[in-house]
Amino acid sequence: MNHLDKVYAESVAKDYMPKETSKVRQLKKLDEKAKKPAYITALSVGVVGALLLGIGMCFSMGILGSGLVAMVFGVVLGVLGIAVCIVNYPLYLKLLKKGKAMYAYEILELAKEISEE
């Protein structure tokens, strides 16, 4: 068996061995767990707001409809999209604060353990 085969065999075996979770890795996972829901919600709400704004623009410019009714509907839809985009950042901050508060004790204890080692 040549050297490359041995290295390959060791790398495959490493994939199947149980992985030790270090405290730093646990800390990163907890931090991600605290922040991810706020990020996903903000991203989703932002996409919805941008789509509403875009559809409103299409109605206003006569691409999806024609006439005064379509233009007024487009303006209303666009303003609604802008409102959703404006509300998005404060919503993100509120959800982020809530997530951090939920995991703060665990994260601080784990960080304290890591710094004392």
PDB file of N, CA and C in Angstrom:
ATOM      1  N   MET A   1       0.858  -1.166   0.000  1.00  0.00           N
ATOM      2  CA  MET A   1       0.000   0.000   0.000  1.00  0.00           C
ATOM      3  C   MET A   1       0.912   1.239   0.000  1.00  0.00           C
ATOM      4  N   ASN A   2       0.641   2.131  -0.955  1.00  0.00           N
ATOM      5  CA  ASN A   2       1.482   3.330  -1.005  1.00  0.00           C
ATOM      6  C   ASN A   2       0.963   4.395  -0.037  1.00  0.00           C
ATOM      7  N   HIS A   3       1.674   5.483   0.041  1.00  0.00           N
ATOM      8  CA  HIS A   3       1.384   6.539   1.023  1.00  0.00           C
ATOM      9  C   HIS A   3       0.030   7.198   0.769  1.00  0.00           C
ATOM     10  N   LEU A   4      -0.320   7.437  -0.492  1.00  0.00           N
ATOM     11  CA  LEU A   4      -1.591   8.094  -0.805  1.00  0.00           C
ATOM     12  C   LEU A   4      -2.792   7.246  -0.379  1.00  0.00           C
ATOM     13  N   ASP A   5      -2.666   5.922  -0.568  1.00  0.00           N
ATOM     14  CA  ASP A   5      -3.753   5.038  -0.140  1.00  0.00           C
ATOM     15  C   ASP A   5      -3.939   5.088   1.370  1.00  0.00           C
ATOM     16  N   LYS A   6      -2.834   5.154   2.078  1.00  0.00           N
ATOM     17  CA  LYS A   6      -2.898   5.213   3.539  1.00  0.00           C
ATOM     18  C   LYS A   6      -3.557   6.513   4.004  1.00  0.00           C
ATOM     19  N   VAL A   7      -3.191   7.629   3.383  1.00  0.00           N
ATOM     20  CA  VAL A   7      -3.779   8.924   3.731  1.00  0.00           C
ATOM     21  C   VAL A   7      -5.274   8.921   3.424  1.00  0.00           C
ATOM     22  N   TYR A   8      -5.639   8.352   2.267  1.00  0.00           N
ATOM     23  CA  TYR A   8      -7.053   8.286   1.890  1.00  0.00           C
ATOM     24  C   TYR A   8      -7.841   7.425   2.878  1.00  0.00           C
ATOM     25  N   ALA A   9      -7.280   6.290   3.260  1.00  0.00           N
ATOM     26  CA  ALA A   9      -7.958   5.403   4.204  1.00  0.00           C
ATOM     27  C   ALA A   9      -8.160   6.090   5.552  1.00  0.00           C
ATOM     28  N   GLU A  10      -7.171   6.848   5.986  1.00  0.00           N
ATOM     29  CA  GLU A  10      -7.299   7.567   7.255  1.00  0.00           C
ATOM     30  C   GLU A  10      -8.361   8.661   7.178  1.00  0.00           C
ATOM     31  N   SER A  11      -8.440   9.346   6.039  1.00  0.00           N
ATOM     32  CA  SER A  11      -9.448  10.410   5.910  1.00  0.00           C
ATOM     33  C   SER A  11     -10.858   9.835   5.861  1.00  0.00           C
ATOM     34  N   VAL A  12     -11.024   8.675   5.212  1.00  0.00           N
ATOM     35  CA  VAL A  12     -12.341   8.034   5.187  1.00  0.00           C
ATOM     36  C   VAL A  12     -12.705   7.539   6.578  1.00  0.00           C
ATOM     37  N   ALA A  13     -11.756   6.954   7.274  1.00  0.00           N
ATOM     38  CA  ALA A  13     -12.022   6.464   8.627  1.00  0.00           C
ATOM     39  C   ALA A  13     -12.379   7.609   9.565  1.00  0.00           C
ATOM     40  N   LYS A  14     -11.765   8.766   9.357  1.00  0.00           N
ATOM     41  CA  LYS A  14     -12.038   9.932  10.197  1.00  0.00           C
ATOM     42  C   LYS A  14     -13.492  10.395  10.041  1.00  0.00           C
ATOM     43  N   ASP A  15     -14.055  10.220   8.834  1.00  0.00           N
ATOM     44  CA  ASP A  15     -15.450  10.607   8.604  1.00  0.00           C
ATOM     45  C   ASP A  15     -16.428   9.754   9.410  1.00  0.00           C
ATOM     46  N   TYR A  16     -16.055   8.518   9.690  1.00  0.00           N
ATOM     47  CA  TYR A  16     -16.958   7.603  10.382  1.00  0.00           C
ATOM     48  C   TYR A  16     -16.726   7.521  11.886  1.00  0.00           C
ATOM     49  N   MET A  17     -15.680   8.141  12.367  1.00  0.00           N
ATOM     50  CA  MET A  17     -15.419   8.143  13.804  1.00  0.00           C
ATOM     51  C   MET A  17     -16.322   9.159  14.493  1.00  0.00           C
ATOM     52  N   PRO A  18     -16.714   8.863  15.727  1.00  0.00           N
ATOM     53  CA  PRO A  18     -17.510   9.867  16.449  1.00  0.00           C
ATOM     54  C   PRO A  18     -16.670  11.118  16.684  1.00  0.00           C
ATOM     55  N   LYS A  19     -17.273  12.248  16.433  1.00  0.00           N
ATOM     56  CA  LYS A  19     -16.540  13.506  16.550  1.00  0.00           C
ATOM     57  C   LYS A  19     -16.662  14.054  17.959  1.00  0.00           C
ATOM     58  N   GLU A  20     -15.539  14.521  18.457  1.00  0.00           N
ATOM     59  CA  GLU A  20     -15.535  15.166  19.763  1.00  0.00           C
ATOM     60  C   GLU A  20     -15.973  16.612  19.572  1.00  0.00           C
ATOM     61  N   THR A  21     -16.891  17.029  20.392  1.00  0.00           N
ATOM     62  CA  THR A  21     -17.319  18.418  20.294  1.00  0.00           C
ATOM     63  C   THR A  21     -16.535  19.236  21.311  1.00  0.00           C
ATOM     64  N   SER A  22     -15.768  20.151  20.800  1.00  0.00           N
ATOM     65  CA  SER A  22     -14.994  21.010  21.689  1.00  0.00           C
ATOM     66  C   SER A  22     -15.899  22.110  22.228  1.00  0.00           C
ATOM     67  N   LYS A  23     -15.430  22.751  23.252  1.00  0.00           N
ATOM     68  CA  LYS A  23     -16.227  23.819  23.867  1.00  0.00           C
ATOM     69  C   LYS A  23     -16.354  25.016  22.934  1.00  0.00           C
ATOM     70  N   VAL A  24     -15.318  25.263  22.147  1.00  0.00           N
ATOM     71  CA  VAL A  24     -15.385  26.376  21.197  1.00  0.00           C
ATOM     72  C   VAL A  24     -16.441  26.087  20.137  1.00  0.00           C
ATOM     73  N   ARG A  25     -16.487  24.844  19.672  1.00  0.00           N
ATOM     74  CA  ARG A  25     -17.493  24.465  18.679  1.00  0.00           C
ATOM     75  C   ARG A  25     -18.899  24.577  19.277  1.00  0.00           C
ATOM     76  N   GLN A  26     -19.060  24.163  20.525  1.00  0.00           N
ATOM     77  CA  GLN A  26     -20.361  24.300  21.190  1.00  0.00           C
ATOM     78  C   GLN A  26     -20.753  25.764  21.311  1.00  0.00           C
ATOM     79  N   LEU A  27     -19.771  26.611  21.614  1.00  0.00           N
ATOM     80  CA  LEU A  27     -20.035  28.044  21.732  1.00  0.00           C
ATOM     81  C   LEU A  27     -20.480  28.628  20.391  1.00  0.00           C
ATOM     82  N   LYS A  28     -19.817  28.224  19.310  1.00  0.00           N
ATOM     83  CA  LYS A  28     -20.202  28.700  17.981  1.00  0.00           C
ATOM     84  C   LYS A  28     -21.613  28.242  17.622  1.00  0.00           C
ATOM     85  N   LYS A  29     -21.934  26.992  17.961  1.00  0.00           N
ATOM     86  CA  LYS A  29     -23.274  26.483  17.656  1.00  0.00           C
ATOM     87  C   LYS A  29     -24.343  27.219  18.451  1.00  0.00           C
ATOM     88  N   LEU A  30     -24.068  27.493  19.715  1.00  0.00           N
ATOM     89  CA  LEU A  30     -25.029  28.245  20.528  1.00  0.00           C
ATOM     90  C   LEU A  30     -25.214  29.662  19.996  1.00  0.00           C
ATOM     91  N   ASP A  31     -24.117  30.280  19.586  1.00  0.00           N
ATOM     92  CA  ASP A  31     -24.198  31.628  19.025  1.00  0.00           C
ATOM     93  C   ASP A  31     -25.029  31.620  17.741  1.00  0.00           C
ATOM     94  N   GLU A  32     -24.791  30.626  16.913  1.00  0.00           N
ATOM     95  CA  GLU A  32     -25.564  30.496  15.673  1.00  0.00           C
ATOM     96  C   GLU A  32     -27.036  30.232  15.967  1.00  0.00           C
ATOM     97  N   LYS A  33     -27.280  29.405  16.969  1.00  0.00           N
ATOM     98  CA  LYS A  33     -28.656  29.088  17.362  1.00  0.00           C
ATOM     99  C   LYS A  33     -29.394  30.333  17.851  1.00  0.00           C
ATOM    100  N   ALA A  34     -28.677  31.225  18.485  1.00  0.00           N
ATOM    101  CA  ALA A  34     -29.285  32.451  18.997  1.00  0.00           C
ATOM    102  C   ALA A  34     -29.584  33.443  17.875  1.00  0.00           C
ATOM    103  N   LYS A  35     -28.745  33.470  16.845  1.00  0.00           N
ATOM    104  CA  LYS A  35     -28.873  34.483  15.800  1.00  0.00           C
ATOM    105  C   LYS A  35     -29.646  34.032  14.566  1.00  0.00           C
ATOM    106  N   LYS A  36     -29.666  32.740  14.284  1.00  0.00           N
ATOM    107  CA  LYS A  36     -30.235  32.265  13.025  1.00  0.00           C
ATOM    108  C   LYS A  36     -31.724  32.561  12.851  1.00  0.00           C
ATOM    109  N   PRO A  37     -32.587  32.373  13.852  1.00  0.00           N
ATOM    110  CA  PRO A  37     -34.014  32.672  13.631  1.00  0.00           C
ATOM    111  C   PRO A  37     -34.269  34.122  13.234  1.00  0.00           C
ATOM    112  N   ALA A  38     -33.543  35.049  13.842  1.00  0.00           N
ATOM    113  CA  ALA A  38     -33.712  36.464  13.493  1.00  0.00           C
ATOM    114  C   ALA A  38     -33.262  36.711  12.059  1.00  0.00           C
ATOM    115  N   TYR A  39     -32.166  36.089  11.664  1.00  0.00           N
ATOM    116  CA  TYR A  39     -31.641  36.264  10.313  1.00  0.00           C
ATOM    117  C   TYR A  39     -32.610  35.712   9.268  1.00  0.00           C
ATOM    118  N   ILE A  40     -33.123  34.516   9.504  1.00  0.00           N
ATOM    119  CA  ILE A  40     -34.037  33.891   8.543  1.00  0.00           C
ATOM    120  C   ILE A  40     -35.326  34.692   8.432  1.00  0.00           C
ATOM    121  N   THR A  41     -35.854  35.135   9.560  1.00  0.00           N
ATOM    122  CA  THR A  41     -37.083  35.931   9.541  1.00  0.00           C
ATOM    123  C   THR A  41     -36.865  37.247   8.809  1.00  0.00           C
ATOM    124  N   ALA A  42     -35.766  37.920   9.094  1.00  0.00           N
ATOM    125  CA  ALA A  42     -35.486  39.201   8.439  1.00  0.00           C
ATOM    126  C   ALA A  42     -35.296  39.021   6.939  1.00  0.00           C
ATOM    127  N   LEU A  43     -34.634  37.961   6.559  1.00  0.00           N
ATOM    128  CA  LEU A  43     -34.432  37.694   5.144  1.00  0.00           C
ATOM    129  C   LEU A  43     -35.760  37.432   4.445  1.00  0.00           C
ATOM    130  N   SER A  44     -36.603  36.630   5.059  1.00  0.00           N
ATOM    131  CA  SER A  44     -37.907  36.311   4.469  1.00  0.00           C
ATOM    132  C   SER A  44     -38.795  37.544   4.364  1.00  0.00           C
ATOM    133  N   VAL A  45     -38.871  38.316   5.432  1.00  0.00           N
ATOM    134  CA  VAL A  45     -39.704  39.521   5.426  1.00  0.00           C
ATOM    135  C   VAL A  45     -39.158  40.530   4.417  1.00  0.00           C
ATOM    136  N   GLY A  46     -37.854  40.640   4.306  1.00  0.00           N
ATOM    137  CA  GLY A  46     -37.248  41.544   3.337  1.00  0.00           C
ATOM    138  C   GLY A  46     -37.564  41.155   1.906  1.00  0.00           C
ATOM    139  N   VAL A  47     -37.528  39.860   1.626  1.00  0.00           N
ATOM    140  CA  VAL A  47     -37.865  39.388   0.279  1.00  0.00           C
ATOM    141  C   VAL A  47     -39.325  39.679  -0.036  1.00  0.00           C
ATOM    142  N   VAL A  48     -40.212  39.427   0.913  1.00  0.00           N
ATOM    143  CA  VAL A  48     -41.636  39.705   0.699  1.00  0.00           C
ATOM    144  C   VAL A  48     -41.857  41.199   0.463  1.00  0.00           C
ATOM    145  N   GLY A  49     -41.219  42.043   1.250  1.00  0.00           N
ATOM    146  CA  GLY A  49     -41.352  43.487   1.073  1.00  0.00           C
ATOM    147  C   GLY A  49     -40.844  43.950  -0.281  1.00  0.00           C
ATOM    148  N   ALA A  50     -39.701  43.420  -0.699  1.00  0.00           N
ATOM    149  CA  ALA A  50     -39.144  43.796  -2.002  1.00  0.00           C
ATOM    150  C   ALA A  50     -40.040  43.324  -3.145  1.00  0.00           C
ATOM    151  N   LEU A  51     -40.610  42.136  -3.003  1.00  0.00           N
ATOM    152  CA  LEU A  51     -41.523  41.639  -4.038  1.00  0.00           C
ATOM    153  C   LEU A  51     -42.788  42.487  -4.114  1.00  0.00           C
ATOM    154  N   LEU A  52     -43.337  42.861  -2.967  1.00  0.00           N
ATOM    155  CA  LEU A  52     -44.514  43.735  -2.974  1.00  0.00           C
ATOM    156  C   LEU A  52     -44.192  45.069  -3.645  1.00  0.00           C
ATOM    157  N   LEU A  53     -43.050  45.619  -3.331  1.00  0.00           N
ATOM    158  CA  LEU A  53     -42.635  46.882  -3.941  1.00  0.00           C
ATOM    159  C   LEU A  53     -42.479  46.722  -5.452  1.00  0.00           C
ATOM    160  N   GLY A  54     -41.860  45.649  -5.884  1.00  0.00           N
ATOM    161  CA  GLY A  54     -41.662  45.405  -7.311  1.00  0.00           C
ATOM    162  C   GLY A  54     -42.962  45.186  -8.060  1.00  0.00           C
ATOM    163  N   ILE A  55     -43.869  44.419  -7.475  1.00  0.00           N
ATOM    164  CA  ILE A  55     -45.170  44.191  -8.112  1.00  0.00           C
ATOM    165  C   ILE A  55     -45.947  45.497  -8.182  1.00  0.00           C
ATOM    166  N   GLY A  56     -45.863  46.287  -7.128  1.00  0.00           N
ATOM    167  CA  GLY A  56     -46.513  47.599  -7.144  1.00  0.00           C
ATOM    168  C   GLY A  56     -45.962  48.489  -8.245  1.00  0.00           C
ATOM    169  N   MET A  57     -44.651  48.446  -8.439  1.00  0.00           N
ATOM    170  CA  MET A  57     -44.048  49.234  -9.518  1.00  0.00           C
ATOM    171  C   MET A  57     -44.528  48.751 -10.879  1.00  0.00           C
ATOM    172  N   CYS A  58     -44.647  47.432 -11.035  1.00  0.00           N
ATOM    173  CA  CYS A  58     -45.123  46.891 -12.312  1.00  0.00           C
ATOM    174  C   CYS A  58     -46.551  47.341 -12.604  1.00  0.00           C
ATOM    175  N   PHE A  59     -47.405  47.332 -11.601  1.00  0.00           N
ATOM    176  CA  PHE A  59     -48.771  47.817 -11.796  1.00  0.00           C
ATOM    177  C   PHE A  59     -48.778  49.315 -12.105  1.00  0.00           C
ATOM    178  N   SER A  60     -47.953  50.079 -11.417  1.00  0.00           N
ATOM    179  CA  SER A  60     -47.923  51.533 -11.611  1.00  0.00           C
ATOM    180  C   SER A  60     -47.432  51.920 -12.999  1.00  0.00           C
ATOM    181  N   MET A  61     -46.488  51.166 -13.531  1.00  0.00           N
ATOM    182  CA  MET A  61     -45.934  51.498 -14.842  1.00  0.00           C
ATOM    183  C   MET A  61     -46.740  50.904 -15.988  1.00  0.00           C
ATOM    184  N   GLY A  62     -47.771  50.139 -15.675  1.00  0.00           N
ATOM    185  CA  GLY A  62     -48.615  49.583 -16.721  1.00  0.00           C
ATOM    186  C   GLY A  62     -48.115  48.287 -17.315  1.00  0.00           C
ATOM    187  N   ILE A  63     -47.182  47.628 -16.672  1.00  0.00           N
ATOM    188  CA  ILE A  63     -46.666  46.362 -17.186  1.00  0.00           C
ATOM    189  C   ILE A  63     -47.645  45.228 -16.899  1.00  0.00           C
ATOM    190  N   LEU A  64     -48.224  45.208 -15.721  1.00  0.00           N
ATOM    191  CA  LEU A  64     -49.169  44.151 -15.349  1.00  0.00           C
ATOM    192  C   LEU A  64     -50.625  44.568 -15.524  1.00  0.00           C
ATOM    193  N   GLY A  65     -50.894  45.791 -15.736  1.00  0.00           N
ATOM    194  CA  GLY A  65     -52.262  46.266 -15.908  1.00  0.00           C
ATOM    195  C   GLY A  65     -52.220  47.640 -16.534  1.00  0.00           C
ATOM    196  N   SER A  66     -53.367  48.111 -16.939  1.00  0.00           N
ATOM    197  CA  SER A  66     -53.383  49.447 -17.537  1.00  0.00           C
ATOM    198  C   SER A  66     -54.541  50.237 -16.951  1.00  0.00           C
ATOM    199  N   GLY A  67     -54.412  51.517 -16.986  1.00  0.00           N
ATOM    200  CA  GLY A  67     -55.472  52.375 -16.496  1.00  0.00           C
ATOM    201  C   GLY A  67     -55.164  52.956 -15.136  1.00  0.00           C
ATOM    202  N   LEU A  68     -56.067  53.793 -14.718  1.00  0.00           N
ATOM    203  CA  LEU A  68     -55.904  54.511 -13.459  1.00  0.00           C
ATOM    204  C   LEU A  68     -56.022  53.580 -12.255  1.00  0.00           C
ATOM    205  N   VAL A  69     -56.915  52.610 -12.334  1.00  0.00           N
ATOM    206  CA  VAL A  69     -57.112  51.680 -11.214  1.00  0.00           C
ATOM    207  C   VAL A  69     -55.837  50.871 -10.965  1.00  0.00           C
ATOM    208  N   ALA A  70     -55.210  50.391 -12.032  1.00  0.00           N
ATOM    209  CA  ALA A  70     -53.976  49.614 -11.885  1.00  0.00           C
ATOM    210  C   ALA A  70     -52.867  50.480 -11.302  1.00  0.00           C
ATOM    211  N   MET A  71     -52.810  51.739 -11.727  1.00  0.00           N
ATOM    212  CA  MET A  71     -51.771  52.623 -11.212  1.00  0.00           C
ATOM    213  C   MET A  71     -51.966  52.898  -9.720  1.00  0.00           C
ATOM    214  N   VAL A  72     -53.200  53.178  -9.325  1.00  0.00           N
ATOM    215  CA  VAL A  72     -53.480  53.434  -7.906  1.00  0.00           C
ATOM    216  C   VAL A  72     -53.203  52.182  -7.079  1.00  0.00           C
ATOM    217  N   PHE A  73     -53.628  51.024  -7.586  1.00  0.00           N
ATOM    218  CA  PHE A  73     -53.369  49.763  -6.898  1.00  0.00           C
ATOM    219  C   PHE A  73     -51.861  49.532  -6.769  1.00  0.00           C
ATOM    220  N   GLY A  74     -51.118  49.847  -7.823  1.00  0.00           N
ATOM    221  CA  GLY A  74     -49.668  49.687  -7.799  1.00  0.00           C
ATOM    222  C   GLY A  74     -49.002  50.593  -6.787  1.00  0.00           C
ATOM    223  N   VAL A  75     -49.482  51.829  -6.698  1.00  0.00           N
ATOM    224  CA  VAL A  75     -48.908  52.762  -5.723  1.00  0.00           C
ATOM    225  C   VAL A  75     -49.177  52.271  -4.306  1.00  0.00           C
ATOM    226  N   VAL A  76     -50.405  51.822  -4.059  1.00  0.00           N
ATOM    227  CA  VAL A  76     -50.753  51.310  -2.727  1.00  0.00           C
ATOM    228  C   VAL A  76     -49.906  50.085  -2.395  1.00  0.00           C
ATOM    229  N   LEU A  77     -49.766  49.183  -3.361  1.00  0.00           N
ATOM    230  CA  LEU A  77     -48.966  47.977  -3.139  1.00  0.00           C
ATOM    231  C   LEU A  77     -47.491  48.336  -2.919  1.00  0.00           C
ATOM    232  N   GLY A  78     -46.989  49.304  -3.667  1.00  0.00           N
ATOM    233  CA  GLY A  78     -45.605  49.746  -3.494  1.00  0.00           C
ATOM    234  C   GLY A  78     -45.363  50.363  -2.132  1.00  0.00           C
ATOM    235  N   VAL A  79     -46.297  51.182  -1.679  1.00  0.00           N
ATOM    236  CA  VAL A  79     -46.170  51.795  -0.349  1.00  0.00           C
ATOM    237  C   VAL A  79     -46.216  50.719   0.730  1.00  0.00           C
ATOM    238  N   LEU A  80     -47.061  49.710   0.530  1.00  0.00           N
ATOM    239  CA  LEU A  80     -47.116  48.588   1.474  1.00  0.00           C
ATOM    240  C   LEU A  80     -45.774  47.850   1.502  1.00  0.00           C
ATOM    241  N   GLY A  81     -45.174  47.636   0.335  1.00  0.00           N
ATOM    242  CA  GLY A  81     -43.859  46.989   0.269  1.00  0.00           C
ATOM    243  C   GLY A  81     -42.788  47.798   0.968  1.00  0.00           C
ATOM    244  N   ILE A  82     -42.831  49.116   0.792  1.00  0.00           N
ATOM    245  CA  ILE A  82     -41.869  49.988   1.471  1.00  0.00           C
ATOM    246  C   ILE A  82     -42.061  49.907   2.984  1.00  0.00           C
ATOM    247  N   ALA A  83     -43.318  49.879   3.421  1.00  0.00           N
ATOM    248  CA  ALA A  83     -43.599  49.784   4.858  1.00  0.00           C
ATOM    249  C   ALA A  83     -43.056  48.475   5.439  1.00  0.00           C
ATOM    250  N   VAL A  84     -43.226  47.387   4.693  1.00  0.00           N
ATOM    251  CA  VAL A  84     -42.709  46.093   5.159  1.00  0.00           C
ATOM    252  C   VAL A  84     -41.184  46.151   5.262  1.00  0.00           C
ATOM    253  N   CYS A  85     -40.530  46.768   4.289  1.00  0.00           N
ATOM    254  CA  CYS A  85     -39.065  46.885   4.326  1.00  0.00           C
ATOM    255  C   CYS A  85     -38.598  47.767   5.480  1.00  0.00           C
ATOM    256  N   ILE A  86     -39.359  48.806   5.789  1.00  0.00           N
ATOM    257  CA  ILE A  86     -38.991  49.691   6.900  1.00  0.00           C
ATOM    258  C   ILE A  86     -39.119  48.969   8.236  1.00  0.00           C
ATOM    259  N   VAL A  87     -40.150  48.164   8.380  1.00  0.00           N
ATOM    260  CA  VAL A  87     -40.397  47.443   9.634  1.00  0.00           C
ATOM    261  C   VAL A  87     -39.404  46.291   9.818  1.00  0.00           C
ATOM    262  N   ASN A  88     -38.798  45.853   8.728  1.00  0.00           N
ATOM    263  CA  ASN A  88     -37.953  44.666   8.766  1.00  0.00           C
ATOM    264  C   ASN A  88     -36.766  44.801   9.723  1.00  0.00           C
ATOM    265  N   TYR A  89     -36.041  45.899   9.680  1.00  0.00           N
ATOM    266  CA  TYR A  89     -34.845  46.028  10.520  1.00  0.00           C
ATOM    267  C   TYR A  89     -35.171  46.084  12.014  1.00  0.00           C
ATOM    268  N   PRO A  90     -36.153  46.880  12.438  1.00  0.00           N
ATOM    269  CA  PRO A  90     -36.502  46.824  13.868  1.00  0.00           C
ATOM    270  C   PRO A  90     -36.982  45.436  14.307  1.00  0.00           C
ATOM    271  N   LEU A  91     -37.689  44.744  13.417  1.00  0.00           N
ATOM    272  CA  LEU A  91     -38.119  43.378  13.722  1.00  0.00           C
ATOM    273  C   LEU A  91     -36.909  42.470  13.905  1.00  0.00           C
ATOM    274  N   TYR A  92     -35.927  42.617  13.030  1.00  0.00           N
ATOM    275  CA  TYR A  92     -34.698  41.834  13.137  1.00  0.00           C
ATOM    276  C   TYR A  92     -33.999  42.091  14.471  1.00  0.00           C
ATOM    277  N   LEU A  93     -33.871  43.354  14.828  1.00  0.00           N
ATOM    278  CA  LEU A  93     -33.202  43.694  16.088  1.00  0.00           C
ATOM    279  C   LEU A  93     -33.943  43.122  17.290  1.00  0.00           C
ATOM    280  N   LYS A  94     -35.269  43.178  17.254  1.00  0.00           N
ATOM    281  CA  LYS A  94     -36.067  42.650  18.363  1.00  0.00           C
ATOM    282  C   LYS A  94     -35.898  41.135  18.480  1.00  0.00           C
ATOM    283  N   LEU A  95     -35.956  40.433  17.350  1.00  0.00           N
ATOM    284  CA  LEU A  95     -35.795  38.980  17.377  1.00  0.00           C
ATOM    285  C   LEU A  95     -34.375  38.580  17.772  1.00  0.00           C
ATOM    286  N   LEU A  96     -33.389  39.358  17.333  1.00  0.00           N
ATOM    287  CA  LEU A  96     -32.004  39.075  17.703  1.00  0.00           C
ATOM    288  C   LEU A  96     -31.798  39.249  19.204  1.00  0.00           C
ATOM    289  N   LYS A  97     -32.363  40.306  19.752  1.00  0.00           N
ATOM    290  CA  LYS A  97     -32.262  40.549  21.194  1.00  0.00           C
ATOM    291  C   LYS A  97     -32.928  39.418  21.976  1.00  0.00           C
ATOM    292  N   LYS A  98     -34.078  38.966  21.495  1.00  0.00           N
ATOM    293  CA  LYS A  98     -34.797  37.868  22.150  1.00  0.00           C
ATOM    294  C   LYS A  98     -33.979  36.576  22.091  1.00  0.00           C
ATOM    295  N   GLY A  99     -33.387  36.286  20.932  1.00  0.00           N
ATOM    296  CA  GLY A  99     -32.573  35.084  20.787  1.00  0.00           C
ATOM    297  C   GLY A  99     -31.335  35.123  21.661  1.00  0.00           C
ATOM    298  N   LYS A 100     -30.693  36.285  21.710  1.00  0.00           N
ATOM    299  CA  LYS A 100     -29.509  36.416  22.564  1.00  0.00           C
ATOM    300  C   LYS A 100     -29.874  36.277  24.034  1.00  0.00           C
ATOM    301  N   ALA A 101     -31.010  36.832  24.432  1.00  0.00           N
ATOM    302  CA  ALA A 101     -31.437  36.722  25.828  1.00  0.00           C
ATOM    303  C   ALA A 101     -31.749  35.271  26.187  1.00  0.00           C
ATOM    304  N   MET A 102     -32.275  34.528  25.218  1.00  0.00           N
ATOM    305  CA  MET A 102     -32.655  33.140  25.475  1.00  0.00           C
ATOM    306  C   MET A 102     -31.428  32.261  25.743  1.00  0.00           C
ATOM    307  N   TYR A 103     -30.336  32.525  25.034  1.00  0.00           N
ATOM    308  CA  TYR A 103     -29.145  31.684  25.160  1.00  0.00           C
ATOM    309  C   TYR A 103     -28.002  32.371  25.903  1.00  0.00           C
ATOM    310  N   ALA A 104     -28.237  33.532  26.468  1.00  0.00           N
ATOM    311  CA  ALA A 104     -27.169  34.319  27.088  1.00  0.00           C
ATOM    312  C   ALA A 104     -26.488  33.566  28.223  1.00  0.00           C
ATOM    313  N   TYR A 105     -27.254  32.946  29.098  1.00  0.00           N
ATOM    314  CA  TYR A 105     -26.666  32.276  30.258  1.00  0.00           C
ATOM    315  C   TYR A 105     -25.738  31.151  29.815  1.00  0.00           C
ATOM    316  N   GLU A 106     -26.222  30.304  28.886  1.00  0.00           N
ATOM    317  CA  GLU A 106     -25.413  29.179  28.428  1.00  0.00           C
ATOM    318  C   GLU A 106     -24.142  29.661  27.727  1.00  0.00           C
ATOM    319  N   ILE A 107     -24.280  30.684  26.885  1.00  0.00           N
ATOM    320  CA  ILE A 107     -23.127  31.194  26.147  1.00  0.00           C
ATOM    321  C   ILE A 107     -22.106  31.805  27.099  1.00  0.00           C
ATOM    322  N   LEU A 108     -22.565  32.576  28.070  1.00  0.00           N
ATOM    323  CA  LEU A 108     -21.639  33.204  29.017  1.00  0.00           C
ATOM    324  C   LEU A 108     -20.930  32.171  29.883  1.00  0.00           C
ATOM    325  N   GLU A 109     -21.656  31.150  30.323  1.00  0.00           N
ATOM    326  CA  GLU A 109     -21.029  30.097  31.134  1.00  0.00           C
ATOM    327  C   GLU A 109     -19.973  29.344  30.332  1.00  0.00           C
ATOM    328  N   LEU A 110     -20.306  29.012  29.092  1.00  0.00           N
ATOM    329  CA  LEU A 110     -19.358  28.285  28.250  1.00  0.00           C
ATOM    330  C   LEU A 110     -18.147  29.154  27.916  1.00  0.00           C
ATOM    331  N   ALA A 111     -18.369  30.426  27.643  1.00  0.00           N
ATOM    332  CA  ALA A 111     -17.259  31.342  27.363  1.00  0.00           C
ATOM    333  C   ALA A 111     -16.366  31.497  28.590  1.00  0.00           C
ATOM    334  N   LYS A 112     -16.972  31.517  29.769  1.00  0.00           N
ATOM    335  CA  LYS A 112     -16.203  31.618  31.014  1.00  0.00           C
ATOM    336  C   LYS A 112     -15.337  30.372  31.202  1.00  0.00           C
ATOM    337  N   GLU A 113     -15.911  29.189  30.916  1.00  0.00           N
ATOM    338  CA  GLU A 113     -15.150  27.943  31.028  1.00  0.00           C
ATOM    339  C   GLU A 113     -13.971  27.935  30.058  1.00  0.00           C
ATOM    340  N   ILE A 114     -14.207  28.404  28.840  1.00  0.00           N
ATOM    341  CA  ILE A 114     -13.143  28.414  27.831  1.00  0.00           C
ATOM    342  C   ILE A 114     -12.030  29.373  28.233  1.00  0.00           C
ATOM    343  N   SER A 115     -12.395  30.540  28.718  1.00  0.00           N
ATOM    344  CA  SER A 115     -11.378  31.535  29.070  1.00  0.00           C
ATOM    345  C   SER A 115     -10.579  31.135  30.307  1.00  0.00           C
ATOM    346  N   GLU A 116     -11.141  30.303  31.166  1.00  0.00           N
ATOM    347  CA  GLU A 116     -10.433  29.867  32.370  1.00  0.00           C
ATOM    348  C   GLU A 116      -9.470  28.720  32.104  1.00  0.00           C
ATOM    349  N   GLU A 117      -9.614  28.049  30.976  1.00  0.00           N
ATOM    350  CA  GLU A 117      -8.733  26.901  30.681  1.00  0.00           C
ATOM    351  C   GLU A 117      -7.347  27.329  30.297  1.00  0.00           C
TER     352      GLU A 117
END
